[in-house]
């Protein structure tokens, strides 16, 4: 299930944009490999394989950064004393329950 853009952190959005750019660059990379092979006199398949290896390495690194983004943001927020949305939602529910119980007690009197 996709996460709405409004629920993503800026760093997550940037990481996803980077992944998209890498995907769009794949076609250009293929053309670059063809051009390099022609200029260097090397077989196209060898240059394409080298370019594909570099792109795959970038994709793995971008994925790793994306995975660590959420946990890093959570640690920073915790160190700064900022409550997560989940904690705030839980507290709102608890306050609503207490208010409801108080209303019930007030009616009973």
N, C-alpha and C. Protein backbone atom coordinates (compact mmCIF):
# COMPACT_ATOMS: atom_id res chain seq x y z
N UNK A 1 0.85 -1.16 0.00
CA UNK A 1 0.00 0.00 0.00
C UNK A 1 0.90 1.23 0.00
N UNK A 2 0.59 2.20 -0.85
CA UNK A 2 1.38 3.42 -0.97
C UNK A 2 1.09 4.35 0.20
N UNK A 3 2.13 5.04 0.64
CA UNK A 3 2.00 6.01 1.72
C UNK A 3 1.71 7.37 1.09
N UNK A 4 0.66 8.06 1.54
CA UNK A 4 0.38 9.38 0.97
C UNK A 4 1.57 10.32 1.17
N UNK A 5 1.79 11.20 0.20
CA UNK A 5 2.93 12.12 0.25
C UNK A 5 2.91 12.96 1.52
N UNK A 6 1.72 13.30 2.01
CA UNK A 6 1.62 14.14 3.20
C UNK A 6 2.10 13.42 4.46
N UNK A 7 2.12 12.07 4.44
CA UNK A 7 2.56 11.30 5.61
C UNK A 7 4.05 10.95 5.55
N UNK A 8 4.72 11.29 4.46
CA UNK A 8 6.14 10.99 4.31
C UNK A 8 7.00 12.11 4.87
N UNK A 9 8.16 11.74 5.39
CA UNK A 9 9.11 12.76 5.82
C UNK A 9 9.77 13.36 4.59
N UNK A 10 10.30 14.58 4.69
CA UNK A 10 10.97 15.19 3.53
C UNK A 10 12.13 14.34 3.03
N UNK A 11 12.85 13.71 3.94
CA UNK A 11 13.98 12.88 3.52
C UNK A 11 13.50 11.65 2.78
N UNK A 12 12.37 11.06 3.20
CA UNK A 12 11.80 9.93 2.49
C UNK A 12 11.38 10.33 1.09
N UNK A 13 10.74 11.49 0.97
CA UNK A 13 10.31 11.98 -0.33
C UNK A 13 11.51 12.21 -1.23
N UNK A 14 12.57 12.77 -0.68
CA UNK A 14 13.79 13.00 -1.45
C UNK A 14 14.40 11.68 -1.90
N UNK A 15 14.41 10.69 -1.04
CA UNK A 15 14.96 9.38 -1.38
C UNK A 15 14.16 8.75 -2.51
N UNK A 16 12.82 8.82 -2.42
CA UNK A 16 11.98 8.27 -3.48
C UNK A 16 12.20 9.01 -4.80
N UNK A 17 12.36 10.32 -4.73
CA UNK A 17 12.64 11.09 -5.94
C UNK A 17 13.96 10.65 -6.56
N UNK A 18 14.94 10.40 -5.71
CA UNK A 18 16.23 9.92 -6.20
C UNK A 18 16.13 8.57 -6.88
N UNK A 19 15.33 7.69 -6.29
CA UNK A 19 15.12 6.38 -6.92
C UNK A 19 14.45 6.53 -8.28
N UNK A 20 13.48 7.43 -8.37
CA UNK A 20 12.82 7.68 -9.65
C UNK A 20 13.78 8.22 -10.68
N UNK A 21 14.65 9.12 -10.26
CA UNK A 21 15.64 9.68 -11.18
C UNK A 21 16.60 8.61 -11.68
N UNK A 22 16.97 7.71 -10.78
CA UNK A 22 17.87 6.61 -11.18
C UNK A 22 17.17 5.72 -12.21
N UNK A 23 15.89 5.45 -11.98
CA UNK A 23 15.15 4.60 -12.93
C UNK A 23 15.05 5.26 -14.29
N UNK A 24 14.77 6.57 -14.29
CA UNK A 24 14.68 7.28 -15.56
C UNK A 24 16.03 7.37 -16.25
N UNK A 25 17.09 7.38 -15.47
CA UNK A 25 18.43 7.48 -16.03
C UNK A 25 18.90 6.18 -16.66
N UNK A 26 18.21 5.08 -16.41
CA UNK A 26 18.65 3.78 -16.94
C UNK A 26 18.72 3.79 -18.47
N UNK A 27 17.73 4.39 -19.09
CA UNK A 27 17.74 4.45 -20.56
C UNK A 27 18.90 5.29 -21.05
N UNK A 28 19.13 6.41 -20.39
CA UNK A 28 20.26 7.26 -20.76
C UNK A 28 21.57 6.54 -20.53
N UNK A 29 21.64 5.77 -19.46
CA UNK A 29 22.86 5.03 -19.16
C UNK A 29 23.16 4.02 -20.26
N UNK A 30 22.12 3.42 -20.80
CA UNK A 30 22.30 2.46 -21.89
C UNK A 30 22.88 3.17 -23.12
N UNK A 31 22.35 4.36 -23.42
CA UNK A 31 22.89 5.12 -24.56
C UNK A 31 24.32 5.56 -24.29
N UNK A 32 24.61 5.95 -23.03
CA UNK A 32 25.97 6.33 -22.66
C UNK A 32 26.92 5.16 -22.82
N UNK A 33 26.47 3.98 -22.42
CA UNK A 33 27.32 2.78 -22.55
C UNK A 33 27.63 2.52 -24.02
N UNK A 34 26.64 2.68 -24.88
CA UNK A 34 26.87 2.49 -26.32
C UNK A 34 27.90 3.49 -26.84
N UNK A 35 27.76 4.75 -26.41
CA UNK A 35 28.68 5.79 -26.87
C UNK A 35 30.10 5.54 -26.36
N UNK A 36 30.22 5.18 -25.08
CA UNK A 36 31.54 4.89 -24.51
C UNK A 36 32.20 3.70 -25.20
N UNK A 37 31.41 2.69 -25.46
CA UNK A 37 31.96 1.50 -26.13
C UNK A 37 32.50 1.88 -27.50
N UNK A 38 31.76 2.72 -28.20
CA UNK A 38 32.22 3.15 -29.53
C UNK A 38 33.50 3.98 -29.45
N UNK A 39 33.57 4.88 -28.49
CA UNK A 39 34.74 5.75 -28.36
C UNK A 39 35.98 5.01 -27.87
N UNK A 40 35.76 4.08 -26.95
CA UNK A 40 36.88 3.37 -26.35
C UNK A 40 37.28 2.12 -27.12
N UNK A 41 36.44 1.71 -28.03
CA UNK A 41 36.73 0.50 -28.79
C UNK A 41 36.57 -0.76 -27.96
N UNK A 42 35.69 -0.70 -26.97
CA UNK A 42 35.42 -1.84 -26.11
C UNK A 42 34.07 -2.41 -26.50
N UNK A 43 33.87 -3.68 -26.22
CA UNK A 43 32.58 -4.30 -26.55
C UNK A 43 31.45 -3.63 -25.76
N UNK A 44 30.34 -3.41 -26.45
CA UNK A 44 29.20 -2.74 -25.82
C UNK A 44 28.68 -3.49 -24.60
N UNK A 45 28.64 -4.80 -24.68
CA UNK A 45 28.11 -5.60 -23.57
C UNK A 45 28.94 -5.43 -22.30
N UNK A 46 30.26 -5.29 -22.45
CA UNK A 46 31.12 -5.08 -21.29
C UNK A 46 30.84 -3.73 -20.64
N UNK A 47 30.72 -2.69 -21.45
CA UNK A 47 30.45 -1.36 -20.91
C UNK A 47 29.05 -1.32 -20.30
N UNK A 48 28.08 -1.92 -20.97
CA UNK A 48 26.72 -1.96 -20.42
C UNK A 48 26.70 -2.68 -19.08
N UNK A 49 27.44 -3.76 -18.96
CA UNK A 49 27.50 -4.51 -17.70
C UNK A 49 28.12 -3.64 -16.61
N UNK A 50 29.18 -2.90 -16.93
CA UNK A 50 29.83 -2.04 -15.94
C UNK A 50 28.88 -0.93 -15.50
N UNK A 51 28.19 -0.31 -16.45
CA UNK A 51 27.24 0.75 -16.12
C UNK A 51 26.09 0.18 -15.29
N UNK A 52 25.60 -0.99 -15.65
CA UNK A 52 24.51 -1.63 -14.90
C UNK A 52 24.95 -1.93 -13.46
N UNK A 53 26.20 -2.36 -13.28
CA UNK A 53 26.72 -2.61 -11.93
C UNK A 53 26.75 -1.34 -11.09
N UNK A 54 27.19 -0.24 -11.71
CA UNK A 54 27.24 1.04 -10.99
C UNK A 54 25.83 1.48 -10.61
N UNK A 55 24.89 1.40 -11.55
CA UNK A 55 23.51 1.80 -11.26
C UNK A 55 22.89 0.93 -10.18
N UNK A 56 23.15 -0.36 -10.22
CA UNK A 56 22.60 -1.27 -9.20
C UNK A 56 23.18 -0.93 -7.83
N UNK A 57 24.45 -0.60 -7.80
CA UNK A 57 25.08 -0.19 -6.54
C UNK A 57 24.40 1.07 -6.00
N UNK A 58 24.12 2.03 -6.87
CA UNK A 58 23.44 3.25 -6.45
C UNK A 58 22.04 2.95 -5.95
N UNK A 59 21.35 2.05 -6.63
CA UNK A 59 19.98 1.68 -6.21
C UNK A 59 19.99 1.04 -4.83
N UNK A 60 20.94 0.13 -4.60
CA UNK A 60 21.04 -0.51 -3.29
C UNK A 60 21.31 0.52 -2.20
N UNK A 61 22.23 1.44 -2.49
CA UNK A 61 22.57 2.47 -1.50
C UNK A 61 21.37 3.37 -1.23
N UNK A 62 20.64 3.75 -2.28
CA UNK A 62 19.46 4.59 -2.10
C UNK A 62 18.40 3.85 -1.28
N UNK A 63 18.23 2.56 -1.54
CA UNK A 63 17.29 1.75 -0.76
C UNK A 63 17.69 1.66 0.69
N UNK A 64 18.99 1.48 0.92
CA UNK A 64 19.50 1.41 2.30
C UNK A 64 19.26 2.73 3.02
N UNK A 65 19.52 3.83 2.34
CA UNK A 65 19.29 5.14 2.94
C UNK A 65 17.81 5.35 3.24
N UNK A 66 16.96 4.90 2.32
CA UNK A 66 15.51 5.03 2.54
C UNK A 66 15.05 4.23 3.74
N UNK A 67 15.61 3.03 3.91
CA UNK A 67 15.22 2.19 5.04
C UNK A 67 15.66 2.79 6.37
N UNK A 68 16.84 3.40 6.36
CA UNK A 68 17.35 3.95 7.62
C UNK A 68 16.78 5.33 7.94
N UNK A 69 16.14 5.96 6.96
CA UNK A 69 15.61 7.31 7.16
C UNK A 69 14.58 7.35 8.29
N UNK A 70 13.63 6.42 8.25
CA UNK A 70 12.58 6.40 9.26
C UNK A 70 13.12 6.19 10.66
N UNK A 71 14.04 5.26 10.81
CA UNK A 71 14.57 4.98 12.15
C UNK A 71 15.45 6.14 12.63
N UNK A 72 16.18 6.77 11.74
CA UNK A 72 17.00 7.92 12.13
C UNK A 72 16.11 9.08 12.56
N UNK A 73 15.07 9.34 11.80
CA UNK A 73 14.15 10.43 12.15
C UNK A 73 13.49 10.16 13.50
N UNK A 74 13.12 8.92 13.75
CA UNK A 74 12.48 8.56 15.02
C UNK A 74 13.44 8.76 16.19
N UNK A 75 14.71 8.40 16.00
CA UNK A 75 15.71 8.58 17.06
C UNK A 75 15.94 10.06 17.35
N UNK A 76 16.05 10.86 16.29
CA UNK A 76 16.27 12.30 16.47
C UNK A 76 15.08 12.92 17.19
N UNK A 77 13.87 12.55 16.76
CA UNK A 77 12.66 13.09 17.40
C UNK A 77 12.62 12.70 18.88
N UNK A 78 12.97 11.45 19.17
CA UNK A 78 12.96 11.00 20.56
C UNK A 78 13.99 11.77 21.40
N UNK A 79 15.16 12.00 20.82
CA UNK A 79 16.20 12.74 21.54
C UNK A 79 15.78 14.19 21.79
N UNK A 80 15.01 14.75 20.87
CA UNK A 80 14.55 16.13 21.03
C UNK A 80 13.31 16.22 21.90
N UNK A 81 12.74 15.08 22.26
CA UNK A 81 11.55 15.07 23.08
C UNK A 81 10.27 15.32 22.30
N UNK A 82 10.30 15.07 21.00
CA UNK A 82 9.12 15.26 20.16
C UNK A 82 8.34 13.95 20.13
N UNK A 83 7.05 14.04 20.40
CA UNK A 83 6.21 12.84 20.42
C UNK A 83 5.84 12.45 18.99
N UNK A 84 5.78 11.14 18.76
CA UNK A 84 5.38 10.66 17.44
C UNK A 84 3.87 10.82 17.28
N UNK A 85 3.40 10.76 16.05
CA UNK A 85 1.96 10.86 15.78
C UNK A 85 1.22 9.72 16.47
N UNK A 86 1.81 8.56 16.49
CA UNK A 86 1.18 7.40 17.14
C UNK A 86 0.98 7.65 18.63
N UNK A 87 1.97 8.22 19.28
CA UNK A 87 1.87 8.50 20.72
C UNK A 87 0.82 9.57 20.98
N UNK A 88 0.82 10.62 20.16
CA UNK A 88 -0.17 11.70 20.32
C UNK A 88 -1.58 11.14 20.12
N UNK A 89 -1.76 10.32 19.10
CA UNK A 89 -3.08 9.71 18.85
C UNK A 89 -3.52 8.86 20.05
N UNK A 90 -2.58 8.10 20.61
CA UNK A 90 -2.89 7.27 21.77
C UNK A 90 -3.30 8.13 22.96
N UNK A 91 -2.58 9.22 23.18
CA UNK A 91 -2.91 10.12 24.28
C UNK A 91 -4.27 10.79 24.07
N UNK A 92 -4.58 11.17 22.84
CA UNK A 92 -5.89 11.76 22.55
C UNK A 92 -7.01 10.77 22.87
N UNK A 93 -6.80 9.52 22.52
CA UNK A 93 -7.80 8.49 22.82
C UNK A 93 -7.97 8.34 24.33
N UNK A 94 -6.87 8.32 25.06
CA UNK A 94 -6.95 8.18 26.52
C UNK A 94 -7.67 9.36 27.16
N UNK A 95 -7.38 10.56 26.68
CA UNK A 95 -8.06 11.75 27.23
C UNK A 95 -9.55 11.69 26.93
N UNK A 96 -9.90 11.27 25.72
CA UNK A 96 -11.32 11.14 25.37
C UNK A 96 -12.01 10.11 26.27
N UNK A 97 -11.33 9.02 26.57
CA UNK A 97 -11.91 8.00 27.45
C UNK A 97 -12.11 8.56 28.87
N UNK A 98 -11.13 9.31 29.36
CA UNK A 98 -11.25 9.90 30.70
C UNK A 98 -12.40 10.90 30.72
N UNK A 99 -12.50 11.74 29.69
CA UNK A 99 -13.61 12.72 29.63
C UNK A 99 -14.96 12.00 29.63
N UNK A 100 -15.04 10.91 28.89
CA UNK A 100 -16.29 10.14 28.83
C UNK A 100 -16.64 9.59 30.22
N UNK A 101 -15.67 9.04 30.90
CA UNK A 101 -15.90 8.49 32.24
C UNK A 101 -16.31 9.59 33.22
N UNK A 102 -15.70 10.77 33.10
CA UNK A 102 -16.07 11.89 33.97
C UNK A 102 -17.51 12.31 33.72
N UNK A 103 -17.93 12.35 32.48
CA UNK A 103 -19.32 12.71 32.15
C UNK A 103 -20.28 11.69 32.76
N UNK A 104 -19.92 10.40 32.67
CA UNK A 104 -20.75 9.36 33.25
C UNK A 104 -20.84 9.52 34.77
N UNK A 105 -19.73 9.85 35.41
CA UNK A 105 -19.74 10.05 36.87
C UNK A 105 -20.57 11.29 37.25
N UNK A 106 -20.46 12.35 36.45
CA UNK A 106 -21.22 13.57 36.74
C UNK A 106 -22.72 13.31 36.62
N UNK A 107 -23.11 12.50 35.66
CA UNK A 107 -24.55 12.17 35.49
C UNK A 107 -25.05 11.34 36.66
N UNK A 108 -24.20 10.47 37.20
CA UNK A 108 -24.59 9.58 38.27
C UNK A 108 -24.82 10.33 39.56
N UNK A 109 -24.25 11.51 39.72
CA UNK A 109 -24.37 12.25 40.98
C UNK A 109 -25.69 12.88 41.08
